[in-house]
Amino acid sequence: MAKKFHQPTRMCVSCRSRHPQFELKRFKCEEGELSSYNKAGRSFYLCQSCLDEEKKLQKALMRQCRSGNKDKLMNKLKEIITDDRKS
């Protein structure tokens, strides 16, 4: 009989839906700067459907990063996502 391995479940900070951890993208904000998670500090997860909806995404990023510059956060997020797709 094959063993069933536990799949960690995490919540998207934008839509509050739960997904298996491998389906979500992980980010962190440090001093108002958005970056990919580098295994240090607190982080948050976003699902793919929320990454496609810019308005919901802006609100979630503003809440998580506590920064007033939403254009800067959105540009940085787009950079991170395109870099991940290239590698």
PDB file of N, CA and C in Angstrom:
ATOM      1  N   MET A   1       0.838  -1.169   0.000  1.00  0.00           N
ATOM      2  CA  MET A   1       0.000   0.000   0.000  1.00  0.00           C
ATOM      3  C   MET A   1       0.896   1.250   0.000  1.00  0.00           C
ATOM      4  N   ALA A   2       0.560   2.210  -0.836  1.00  0.00           N
ATOM      5  CA  ALA A   2       1.325   3.447  -0.927  1.00  0.00           C
ATOM      6  C   ALA A   2       1.019   4.339   0.273  1.00  0.00           C
ATOM      7  N   LYS A   3       2.058   4.997   0.760  1.00  0.00           N
ATOM      8  CA  LYS A   3       1.877   5.916   1.884  1.00  0.00           C
ATOM      9  C   LYS A   3       1.285   7.224   1.396  1.00  0.00           C
ATOM     10  N   LYS A   4       0.418   7.776   2.192  1.00  0.00           N
ATOM     11  CA  LYS A   4      -0.139   9.090   1.893  1.00  0.00           C
ATOM     12  C   LYS A   4       0.650  10.115   2.695  1.00  0.00           C
ATOM     13  N   PHE A   5       1.238  11.062   1.984  1.00  0.00           N
ATOM     14  CA  PHE A   5       2.008  12.097   2.645  1.00  0.00           C
ATOM     15  C   PHE A   5       1.121  13.308   2.916  1.00  0.00           C
ATOM     16  N   HIS A   6       1.400  13.944   4.026  1.00  0.00           N
ATOM     17  CA  HIS A   6       0.646  15.134   4.419  1.00  0.00           C
ATOM     18  C   HIS A   6       0.971  16.291   3.474  1.00  0.00           C
ATOM     19  N   GLN A   7      -0.050  16.956   2.950  1.00  0.00           N
ATOM     20  CA  GLN A   7       0.116  18.143   2.118  1.00  0.00           C
ATOM     21  C   GLN A   7      -0.197  19.377   2.962  1.00  0.00           C
ATOM     22  N   PRO A   8       0.807  20.216   3.267  1.00  0.00           N
ATOM     23  CA  PRO A   8       0.532  21.423   4.047  1.00  0.00           C
ATOM     24  C   PRO A   8      -0.438  22.336   3.308  1.00  0.00           C
ATOM     25  N   THR A   9      -1.358  22.919   4.031  1.00  0.00           N
ATOM     26  CA  THR A   9      -2.343  23.835   3.467  1.00  0.00           C
ATOM     27  C   THR A   9      -2.052  25.235   3.988  1.00  0.00           C
ATOM     28  N   ARG A  10      -2.063  26.204   3.075  1.00  0.00           N
ATOM     29  CA  ARG A  10      -1.819  27.593   3.441  1.00  0.00           C
ATOM     30  C   ARG A  10      -2.941  28.464   2.885  1.00  0.00           C
ATOM     31  N   MET A  11      -3.047  29.686   3.395  1.00  0.00           N
ATOM     32  CA  MET A  11      -4.132  30.584   3.002  1.00  0.00           C
ATOM     33  C   MET A  11      -3.578  31.769   2.213  1.00  0.00           C
ATOM     34  N   CYS A  12      -4.254  32.104   1.145  1.00  0.00           N
ATOM     35  CA  CYS A  12      -3.932  33.291   0.348  1.00  0.00           C
ATOM     36  C   CYS A  12      -4.355  34.520   1.151  1.00  0.00           C
ATOM     37  N   VAL A  13      -3.472  35.515   1.278  1.00  0.00           N
ATOM     38  CA  VAL A  13      -3.801  36.690   2.086  1.00  0.00           C
ATOM     39  C   VAL A  13      -4.785  37.615   1.390  1.00  0.00           C
ATOM     40  N   SER A  14      -4.974  37.448   0.098  1.00  0.00           N
ATOM     41  CA  SER A  14      -5.889  38.311  -0.634  1.00  0.00           C
ATOM     42  C   SER A  14      -7.323  37.796  -0.587  1.00  0.00           C
ATOM     43  N   CYS A  15      -7.544  36.562  -1.021  1.00  0.00           N
ATOM     44  CA  CYS A  15      -8.918  36.036  -1.094  1.00  0.00           C
ATOM     45  C   CYS A  15      -9.278  35.141   0.088  1.00  0.00           C
ATOM     46  N   ARG A  16      -8.306  34.832   0.947  1.00  0.00           N
ATOM     47  CA  ARG A  16      -8.507  34.009   2.136  1.00  0.00           C
ATOM     48  C   ARG A  16      -8.932  32.573   1.829  1.00  0.00           C
ATOM     49  N   SER A  17      -8.656  32.090   0.629  1.00  0.00           N
ATOM     50  CA  SER A  17      -8.963  30.698   0.304  1.00  0.00           C
ATOM     51  C   SER A  17      -7.758  29.827   0.647  1.00  0.00           C
ATOM     52  N   ARG A  18      -8.035  28.587   0.966  1.00  0.00           N
ATOM     53  CA  ARG A  18      -6.966  27.655   1.345  1.00  0.00           C
ATOM     54  C   ARG A  18      -6.603  26.771   0.160  1.00  0.00           C
ATOM     55  N   HIS A  19      -5.284  26.578  -0.005  1.00  0.00           N
ATOM     56  CA  HIS A  19      -4.747  25.775  -1.099  1.00  0.00           C
ATOM     57  C   HIS A  19      -3.579  24.953  -0.577  1.00  0.00           C
ATOM     58  N   PRO A  20      -3.220  23.866  -1.279  1.00  0.00           N
ATOM     59  CA  PRO A  20      -1.974  23.181  -0.930  1.00  0.00           C
ATOM     60  C   PRO A  20      -0.796  24.145  -1.112  1.00  0.00           C
ATOM     61  N   GLN A  21       0.196  24.027  -0.281  1.00  0.00           N
ATOM     62  CA  GLN A  21       1.302  24.975  -0.249  1.00  0.00           C
ATOM     63  C   GLN A  21       2.012  25.097  -1.598  1.00  0.00           C
ATOM     64  N   PHE A  22       2.137  24.009  -2.336  1.00  0.00           N
ATOM     65  CA  PHE A  22       2.878  24.053  -3.596  1.00  0.00           C
ATOM     66  C   PHE A  22       2.162  24.841  -4.692  1.00  0.00           C
ATOM     67  N   GLU A  23       0.869  25.130  -4.529  1.00  0.00           N
ATOM     68  CA  GLU A  23       0.110  25.891  -5.515  1.00  0.00           C
ATOM     69  C   GLU A  23       0.219  27.401  -5.309  1.00  0.00           C
ATOM     70  N   LEU A  24       0.745  27.842  -4.184  1.00  0.00           N
ATOM     71  CA  LEU A  24       0.801  29.262  -3.842  1.00  0.00           C
ATOM     72  C   LEU A  24       2.203  29.826  -4.060  1.00  0.00           C
ATOM     73  N   LYS A  25       2.260  31.130  -4.294  1.00  0.00           N
ATOM     74  CA  LYS A  25       3.531  31.855  -4.405  1.00  0.00           C
ATOM     75  C   LYS A  25       3.808  32.505  -3.057  1.00  0.00           C
ATOM     76  N   ARG A  26       5.075  32.470  -2.646  1.00  0.00           N
ATOM     77  CA  ARG A  26       5.451  32.968  -1.331  1.00  0.00           C
ATOM     78  C   ARG A  26       6.306  34.230  -1.456  1.00  0.00           C
ATOM     79  N   PHE A  27       5.930  35.264  -0.714  1.00  0.00           N
ATOM     80  CA  PHE A  27       6.624  36.552  -0.740  1.00  0.00           C
ATOM     81  C   PHE A  27       6.850  37.032   0.681  1.00  0.00           C
ATOM     82  N   LYS A  28       7.667  38.086   0.804  1.00  0.00           N
ATOM     83  CA  LYS A  28       7.830  38.719   2.107  1.00  0.00           C
ATOM     84  C   LYS A  28       8.040  40.214   1.913  1.00  0.00           C
ATOM     85  N   CYS A  29       7.690  40.969   2.921  1.00  0.00           N
ATOM     86  CA  CYS A  29       7.922  42.411   2.948  1.00  0.00           C
ATOM     87  C   CYS A  29       8.859  42.695   4.106  1.00  0.00           C
ATOM     88  N   GLU A  30       9.905  43.404   3.788  1.00  0.00           N
ATOM     89  CA  GLU A  30      10.851  43.771   4.828  1.00  0.00           C
ATOM     90  C   GLU A  30      11.132  45.257   4.698  1.00  0.00           C
ATOM     91  N   GLU A  31      10.754  46.023   5.695  1.00  0.00           N
ATOM     92  CA  GLU A  31      10.909  47.467   5.716  1.00  0.00           C
ATOM     93  C   GLU A  31      10.237  48.120   4.505  1.00  0.00           C
ATOM     94  N   GLY A  32       9.046  47.652   4.158  1.00  0.00           N
ATOM     95  CA  GLY A  32       8.289  48.223   3.057  1.00  0.00           C
ATOM     96  C   GLY A  32       8.716  47.753   1.674  1.00  0.00           C
ATOM     97  N   GLU A  33       9.716  46.878   1.575  1.00  0.00           N
ATOM     98  CA  GLU A  33      10.216  46.363   0.300  1.00  0.00           C
ATOM     99  C   GLU A  33       9.709  44.948   0.085  1.00  0.00           C
ATOM    100  N   LEU A  34       9.123  44.701  -1.064  1.00  0.00           N
ATOM    101  CA  LEU A  34       8.623  43.384  -1.423  1.00  0.00           C
ATOM    102  C   LEU A  34       9.737  42.564  -2.045  1.00  0.00           C
ATOM    103  N   SER A  35       9.805  41.277  -1.687  1.00  0.00           N
ATOM    104  CA  SER A  35      10.814  40.383  -2.270  1.00  0.00           C
ATOM    105  C   SER A  35      10.320  38.947  -2.226  1.00  0.00           C
ATOM    106  N   SER A  36      11.011  38.085  -2.953  1.00  0.00           N
ATOM    107  CA  SER A  36      10.729  36.651  -2.868  1.00  0.00           C
ATOM    108  C   SER A  36      11.154  36.175  -1.494  1.00  0.00           C
ATOM    109  N   TYR A  37      10.550  35.112  -1.047  1.00  0.00           N
ATOM    110  CA  TYR A  37      10.897  34.572   0.272  1.00  0.00           C
ATOM    111  C   TYR A  37      12.283  33.935   0.200  1.00  0.00           C
ATOM    112  N   ASN A  38      13.174  34.290   1.126  1.00  0.00           N
ATOM    113  CA  ASN A  38      14.537  33.761   1.143  1.00  0.00           C
ATOM    114  C   ASN A  38      14.840  32.980   2.417  1.00  0.00           C
ATOM    115  N   LYS A  39      13.824  32.330   2.961  1.00  0.00           N
ATOM    116  CA  LYS A  39      13.945  31.466   4.134  1.00  0.00           C
ATOM    117  C   LYS A  39      14.367  32.200   5.404  1.00  0.00           C
ATOM    118  N   ALA A  40      14.051  33.485   5.473  1.00  0.00           N
ATOM    119  CA  ALA A  40      14.322  34.246   6.690  1.00  0.00           C
ATOM    120  C   ALA A  40      13.210  35.269   6.890  1.00  0.00           C
ATOM    121  N   GLY A  41      12.656  35.335   8.082  1.00  0.00           N
ATOM    122  CA  GLY A  41      11.625  36.316   8.375  1.00  0.00           C
ATOM    123  C   GLY A  41      10.222  35.807   8.097  1.00  0.00           C
ATOM    124  N   ARG A  42       9.257  36.688   8.270  1.00  0.00           N
ATOM    125  CA  ARG A  42       7.846  36.349   8.050  1.00  0.00           C
ATOM    126  C   ARG A  42       7.505  36.488   6.582  1.00  0.00           C
ATOM    127  N   SER A  43       6.576  35.671   6.140  1.00  0.00           N
ATOM    128  CA  SER A  43       6.200  35.697   4.731  1.00  0.00           C
ATOM    129  C   SER A  43       4.685  35.572   4.596  1.00  0.00           C
ATOM    130  N   PHE A  44       4.208  35.684   3.359  1.00  0.00           N
ATOM    131  CA  PHE A  44       2.785  35.520   3.069  1.00  0.00           C
ATOM    132  C   PHE A  44       2.635  34.851   1.714  1.00  0.00           C
ATOM    133  N   TYR A  45       1.451  34.297   1.486  1.00  0.00           N
ATOM    134  CA  TYR A  45       1.176  33.538   0.268  1.00  0.00           C
ATOM    135  C   TYR A  45       0.108  34.235  -0.562  1.00  0.00           C
ATOM    136  N   LEU A  46       0.236  34.105  -1.900  1.00  0.00           N
ATOM    137  CA  LEU A  46      -0.770  34.587  -2.837  1.00  0.00           C
ATOM    138  C   LEU A  46      -1.069  33.489  -3.840  1.00  0.00           C
ATOM    139  N   CYS A  47      -2.360  33.300  -4.162  1.00  0.00           N
ATOM    140  CA  CYS A  47      -2.735  32.284  -5.142  1.00  0.00           C
ATOM    141  C   CYS A  47      -2.656  32.874  -6.554  1.00  0.00           C
ATOM    142  N   GLN A  48      -2.659  32.012  -7.548  1.00  0.00           N
ATOM    143  CA  GLN A  48      -2.519  32.448  -8.928  1.00  0.00           C
ATOM    144  C   GLN A  48      -3.704  33.299  -9.385  1.00  0.00           C
ATOM    145  N   SER A  49      -4.906  32.972  -8.943  1.00  0.00           N
ATOM    146  CA  SER A  49      -6.069  33.760  -9.363  1.00  0.00           C
ATOM    147  C   SER A  49      -5.986  35.192  -8.821  1.00  0.00           C
ATOM    148  N   CYS A  50      -5.455  35.376  -7.633  1.00  0.00           N
ATOM    149  CA  CYS A  50      -5.301  36.726  -7.082  1.00  0.00           C
ATOM    150  C   CYS A  50      -4.166  37.477  -7.769  1.00  0.00           C
ATOM    151  N   LEU A  51      -3.131  36.766  -8.193  1.00  0.00           N
ATOM    152  CA  LEU A  51      -2.048  37.413  -8.922  1.00  0.00           C
ATOM    153  C   LEU A  51      -2.530  37.971 -10.259  1.00  0.00           C
ATOM    154  N   ASP A  52      -3.599  37.400 -10.791  1.00  0.00           N
ATOM    155  CA  ASP A  52      -4.161  37.870 -12.055  1.00  0.00           C
ATOM    156  C   ASP A  52      -5.106  39.057 -11.879  1.00  0.00           C
ATOM    157  N   GLU A  53      -5.634  39.276 -10.678  1.00  0.00           N
ATOM    158  CA  GLU A  53      -6.569  40.374 -10.407  1.00  0.00           C
ATOM    159  C   GLU A  53      -5.825  41.509  -9.713  1.00  0.00           C
ATOM    160  N   GLU A  54      -5.541  42.550 -10.463  1.00  0.00           N
ATOM    161  CA  GLU A  54      -4.692  43.622  -9.962  1.00  0.00           C
ATOM    162  C   GLU A  54      -5.301  44.408  -8.805  1.00  0.00           C
ATOM    163  N   LYS A  55      -6.598  44.666  -8.834  1.00  0.00           N
ATOM    164  CA  LYS A  55      -7.222  45.483  -7.795  1.00  0.00           C
ATOM    165  C   LYS A  55      -7.183  44.788  -6.427  1.00  0.00           C
ATOM    166  N   LYS A  56      -7.541  43.497  -6.393  1.00  0.00           N
ATOM    167  CA  LYS A  56      -7.493  42.739  -5.135  1.00  0.00           C
ATOM    168  C   LYS A  56      -6.060  42.615  -4.643  1.00  0.00           C
ATOM    169  N   LEU A  57      -5.144  42.465  -5.577  1.00  0.00           N
ATOM    170  CA  LEU A  57      -3.734  42.288  -5.249  1.00  0.00           C
ATOM    171  C   LEU A  57      -3.150  43.548  -4.609  1.00  0.00           C
ATOM    172  N   GLN A  58      -3.490  44.705  -5.138  1.00  0.00           N
ATOM    173  CA  GLN A  58      -2.996  45.960  -4.573  1.00  0.00           C
ATOM    174  C   GLN A  58      -3.420  46.113  -3.116  1.00  0.00           C
ATOM    175  N   LYS A  59      -4.667  45.811  -2.843  1.00  0.00           N
ATOM    176  CA  LYS A  59      -5.184  45.941  -1.475  1.00  0.00           C
ATOM    177  C   LYS A  59      -4.452  44.988  -0.520  1.00  0.00           C
ATOM    178  N   ALA A  60      -4.232  43.761  -0.964  1.00  0.00           N
ATOM    179  CA  ALA A  60      -3.539  42.781  -0.117  1.00  0.00           C
ATOM    180  C   ALA A  60      -2.089  43.188   0.125  1.00  0.00           C
ATOM    181  N   LEU A  61      -1.420  43.688  -0.898  1.00  0.00           N
ATOM    182  CA  LEU A  61      -0.019  44.108  -0.742  1.00  0.00           C
ATOM    183  C   LEU A  61       0.105  45.313   0.185  1.00  0.00           C
ATOM    184  N   MET A  62      -0.820  46.247   0.062  1.00  0.00           N
ATOM    185  CA  MET A  62      -0.794  47.420   0.943  1.00  0.00           C
ATOM    186  C   MET A  62      -0.979  46.999   2.401  1.00  0.00           C
ATOM    187  N   ARG A  63      -1.844  46.018   2.619  1.00  0.00           N
ATOM    188  CA  ARG A  63      -2.114  45.537   3.971  1.00  0.00           C
ATOM    189  C   ARG A  63      -0.892  44.787   4.521  1.00  0.00           C
ATOM    190  N   GLN A  64      -0.254  43.968   3.706  1.00  0.00           N
ATOM    191  CA  GLN A  64       0.872  43.165   4.168  1.00  0.00           C
ATOM    192  C   GLN A  64       2.147  43.987   4.355  1.00  0.00           C
ATOM    193  N   CYS A  65       2.418  44.882   3.426  1.00  0.00           N
ATOM    194  CA  CYS A  65       3.680  45.625   3.457  1.00  0.00           C
ATOM    195  C   CYS A  65       3.597  46.938   4.218  1.00  0.00           C
ATOM    196  N   ARG A  66       2.380  47.387   4.503  1.00  0.00           N
ATOM    197  CA  ARG A  66       2.175  48.646   5.235  1.00  0.00           C
ATOM    198  C   ARG A  66       2.949  49.797   4.581  1.00  0.00           C
ATOM    199  N   SER A  67       2.875  49.831   3.263  1.00  0.00           N
ATOM    200  CA  SER A  67       3.561  50.861   2.508  1.00  0.00           C
ATOM    201  C   SER A  67       2.536  51.694   1.758  1.00  0.00           C
ATOM    202  N   GLY A  68       2.799  52.973   1.584  1.00  0.00           N
ATOM    203  CA  GLY A  68       1.866  53.844   0.911  1.00  0.00           C
ATOM    204  C   GLY A  68       2.039  53.891  -0.598  1.00  0.00           C
ATOM    205  N   ASN A  69       3.100  53.310  -1.141  1.00  0.00           N
ATOM    206  CA  ASN A  69       3.391  53.402  -2.562  1.00  0.00           C
ATOM    207  C   ASN A  69       2.969  52.124  -3.279  1.00  0.00           C
ATOM    208  N   LYS A  70       1.708  52.069  -3.726  1.00  0.00           N
ATOM    209  CA  LYS A  70       1.191  50.853  -4.350  1.00  0.00           C
ATOM    210  C   LYS A  70       1.801  50.601  -5.719  1.00  0.00           C
ATOM    211  N   ASP A  71       2.150  51.655  -6.464  1.00  0.00           N
ATOM    212  CA  ASP A  71       2.758  51.464  -7.791  1.00  0.00           C
ATOM    213  C   ASP A  71       4.125  50.794  -7.671  1.00  0.00           C
ATOM    214  N   LYS A  72       4.885  51.201  -6.679  1.00  0.00           N
ATOM    215  CA  LYS A  72       6.202  50.606  -6.454  1.00  0.00           C
ATOM    216  C   LYS A  72       6.070  49.118  -6.097  1.00  0.00           C
ATOM    217  N   LEU A  73       5.102  48.788  -5.230  1.00  0.00           N
ATOM    218  CA  LEU A  73       4.882  47.395  -4.843  1.00  0.00           C
ATOM    219  C   LEU A  73       4.453  46.549  -6.037  1.00  0.00           C
ATOM    220  N   MET A  74       3.551  47.067  -6.856  1.00  0.00           N
ATOM    221  CA  MET A  74       3.067  46.318  -8.017  1.00  0.00           C
ATOM    222  C   MET A  74       4.190  46.098  -9.030  1.00  0.00           C
ATOM    223  N   ASN A  75       5.018  47.106  -9.262  1.00  0.00           N
ATOM    224  CA  ASN A  75       6.142  46.952 -10.193  1.00  0.00           C
ATOM    225  C   ASN A  75       7.131  45.914  -9.692  1.00  0.00           C
ATOM    226  N   LYS A  76       7.422  45.935  -8.415  1.00  0.00           N
ATOM    227  CA  LYS A  76       8.353  44.962  -7.837  1.00  0.00           C
ATOM    228  C   LYS A  76       7.782  43.549  -7.926  1.00  0.00           C
ATOM    229  N   LEU A  77       6.486  43.402  -7.678  1.00  0.00           N
ATOM    230  CA  LEU A  77       5.843  42.099  -7.774  1.00  0.00           C
ATOM    231  C   LEU A  77       5.927  41.558  -9.199  1.00  0.00           C
ATOM    232  N   LYS A  78       5.674  42.409 -10.187  1.00  0.00           N
ATOM    233  CA  LYS A  78       5.775  41.981 -11.584  1.00  0.00           C
ATOM    234  C   LYS A  78       7.190  41.547 -11.928  1.00  0.00           C
ATOM    235  N   GLU A  79       8.200  42.257 -11.399  1.00  0.00           N
ATOM    236  CA  GLU A  79       9.599  41.867 -11.609  1.00  0.00           C
ATOM    237  C   GLU A  79       9.877  40.480 -11.025  1.00  0.00           C
ATOM    238  N   ILE A  80       9.418  40.257  -9.820  1.00  0.00           N
ATOM    239  CA  ILE A  80       9.663  38.978  -9.142  1.00  0.00           C
ATOM    240  C   ILE A  80       9.000  37.833  -9.911  1.00  0.00           C
ATOM    241  N   ILE A  81       7.770  38.035 -10.351  1.00  0.00           N
ATOM    242  CA  ILE A  81       7.036  36.985 -11.064  1.00  0.00           C
ATOM    243  C   ILE A  81       7.701  36.667 -12.392  1.00  0.00           C
ATOM    244  N   THR A  82       8.121  37.687 -13.146  1.00  0.00           N
ATOM    245  CA  THR A  82       8.767  37.422 -14.443  1.00  0.00           C
ATOM    246  C   THR A  82      10.126  36.766 -14.255  1.00  0.00           C
ATOM    247  N   ASP A  83      10.845  37.125 -13.198  1.00  0.00           N
ATOM    248  CA  ASP A  83      12.128  36.459 -12.918  1.00  0.00           C
ATOM    249  C   ASP A  83      11.930  34.992 -12.578  1.00  0.00           C
ATOM    250  N   ASP A  84      10.866  34.666 -11.840  1.00  0.00           N
ATOM    251  CA  ASP A  84      10.574  33.279 -11.488  1.00  0.00           C
ATOM    252  C   ASP A  84      10.226  32.454 -12.718  1.00  0.00           C
ATOM    253  N   ARG A  85       9.535  33.035 -13.663  1.00  0.00           N
ATOM    254  CA  ARG A  85       9.140  32.316 -14.874  1.00  0.00           C
ATOM    255  C   ARG A  85      10.340  32.048 -15.780  1.00  0.00           C
ATOM    256  N   LYS A  86      11.341  32.931 -15.757  1.00  0.00           N
ATOM    257  CA  LYS A  86      12.532  32.748 -16.596  1.00  0.00           C
ATOM    258  C   LYS A  86      13.394  31.604 -16.095  1.00  0.00           C
ATOM    259  N   SER A  87      13.442  31.419 -14.786  1.00  0.00           N
ATOM    260  CA  SER A  87      14.316  30.374 -14.230  1.00  0.00           C
ATOM    261  C   SER A  87      13.638  29.038 -14.100  1.00  0.00           C
TER     262      SER A  87
END
